[in-house]
Amino acid sequence: MNNIQTNNVLIAYTSTPEDHVSELCRDIYKYCGINFTYINDNPEYIGNDYADFSKKFYYNILLDDKAGFEGETDWLLVKNELIRVGEW
């Protein structure tokens, strides 16, 4: 068994209108077992001397159809990896 320490947060980066964000990201996804830490924000990483993330937040991995993410097949890969690292 690996003793991998993870410091992951799941952020919903959405263009959903603000009055529907809670319903979509907190209620519907939570019902499906997807719990977002933040929505359209990452207050854990403000920036440093070399980068300002006050208007564009920092992330390591982007899952988006415009970033080449294919939901029909890729969600299962994401789920399996989260199960593997104990985050699901």
Protein backbone atom coordinates (compact mmCIF):
# COMPACT_ATOMS: atom_id res chain seq x y z
CA MET A 1 0.00 0.00 0.00
CA ASN A 2 1.37 3.40 -0.99
CA ASN A 3 1.46 6.14 1.61
CA ILE A 4 0.78 8.86 -0.93
CA GLN A 5 -0.16 12.18 0.59
CA THR A 6 -2.51 14.19 -1.58
CA ASN A 7 -3.45 17.80 -1.30
CA ASN A 8 -6.11 17.93 -3.96
CA VAL A 9 -9.11 20.14 -4.28
CA LEU A 10 -11.83 19.76 -6.87
CA ILE A 11 -12.91 23.07 -8.38
CA ALA A 12 -15.90 23.56 -10.64
CA TYR A 13 -14.89 26.15 -13.18
CA THR A 14 -18.20 26.90 -14.81
CA SER A 15 -19.95 29.45 -16.93
CA THR A 16 -23.26 28.41 -15.38
CA PRO A 17 -25.32 31.48 -14.44
CA GLU A 18 -24.73 32.40 -10.79
CA ASP A 19 -28.34 31.71 -9.76
CA HIS A 20 -27.99 28.06 -10.92
CA VAL A 21 -24.45 27.34 -9.70
CA SER A 22 -25.53 26.07 -6.28
CA GLU A 23 -28.18 23.80 -7.74
CA LEU A 24 -25.83 22.36 -10.36
CA CYS A 25 -22.50 22.16 -8.56
CA ARG A 26 -23.58 21.48 -5.01
CA ASP A 27 -26.82 19.54 -5.35
CA ILE A 28 -26.80 17.60 -8.61
CA TYR A 29 -23.10 16.70 -8.64
CA LYS A 30 -23.11 15.91 -4.91
CA TYR A 31 -25.98 13.49 -5.55
CA CYS A 32 -23.67 11.76 -8.05
CA GLY A 33 -20.82 11.59 -5.50
CA ILE A 34 -18.88 14.57 -6.86
CA ASN A 35 -18.08 17.08 -4.13
CA PHE A 36 -16.48 20.33 -5.24
CA THR A 37 -14.22 22.14 -2.78
CA TYR A 38 -14.62 25.49 -4.54
CA ILE A 39 -16.65 26.93 -7.39
CA ASN A 40 -14.97 29.37 -9.79
CA ASP A 41 -12.32 30.15 -7.19
CA ASN A 42 -9.14 28.80 -5.59
CA PRO A 43 -8.46 30.82 -2.43
CA GLU A 44 -5.69 28.40 -1.43
CA TYR A 45 -3.30 29.79 -4.05
CA ILE A 46 -3.19 33.58 -4.34
CA GLY A 47 0.13 33.84 -6.19
CA ASN A 48 3.70 34.88 -5.58
CA ASP A 49 6.33 37.29 -6.91
CA TYR A 50 6.16 35.63 -10.34
CA ALA A 51 2.44 34.99 -10.78
CA ASP A 52 -0.76 36.85 -9.93
CA PHE A 53 -3.80 34.60 -9.60
CA SER A 54 -6.18 37.22 -8.21
CA LYS A 55 -8.21 37.23 -11.45
CA LYS A 56 -7.32 33.85 -12.97
CA PHE A 57 -7.05 31.06 -10.45
CA TYR A 58 -4.31 28.43 -10.36
CA TYR A 59 -4.93 24.78 -11.27
CA ASN A 60 -2.75 21.84 -12.25
CA ILE A 61 -5.21 19.84 -14.35
CA LEU A 62 -8.03 21.16 -16.51
CA LEU A 63 -10.86 18.84 -17.54
CA ASP A 64 -12.75 20.61 -20.28
CA ASP A 65 -14.01 19.68 -23.71
CA LYS A 66 -11.95 22.56 -25.08
CA ALA A 67 -8.86 21.09 -23.37
CA GLY A 68 -9.36 17.71 -25.05
CA PHE A 69 -11.44 16.13 -22.27
CA GLU A 70 -13.89 13.54 -23.61
CA GLY A 71 -16.56 13.06 -20.96
CA GLU A 72 -17.95 9.85 -22.45
CA THR A 73 -14.68 8.02 -21.77
CA ASP A 74 -12.50 10.20 -19.55
CA TRP A 75 -14.76 10.50 -16.47
CA LEU A 76 -14.21 6.79 -15.77
CA LEU A 77 -10.44 7.32 -15.89
CA VAL A 78 -10.74 10.22 -13.44
CA LYS A 79 -12.98 8.22 -11.11
CA ASN A 80 -10.62 5.23 -11.14
CA GLU A 81 -7.63 7.43 -10.31
CA LEU A 82 -9.48 9.12 -7.45
CA ILE A 83 -10.44 5.70 -6.09
CA ARG A 84 -6.81 4.58 -6.39
CA VAL A 85 -5.51 7.52 -4.33
CA GLY A 86 -8.34 7.28 -1.78
CA GLU A 87 -10.07 10.53 -2.72
CA TRP A 88 -13.37 9.06 -4.07
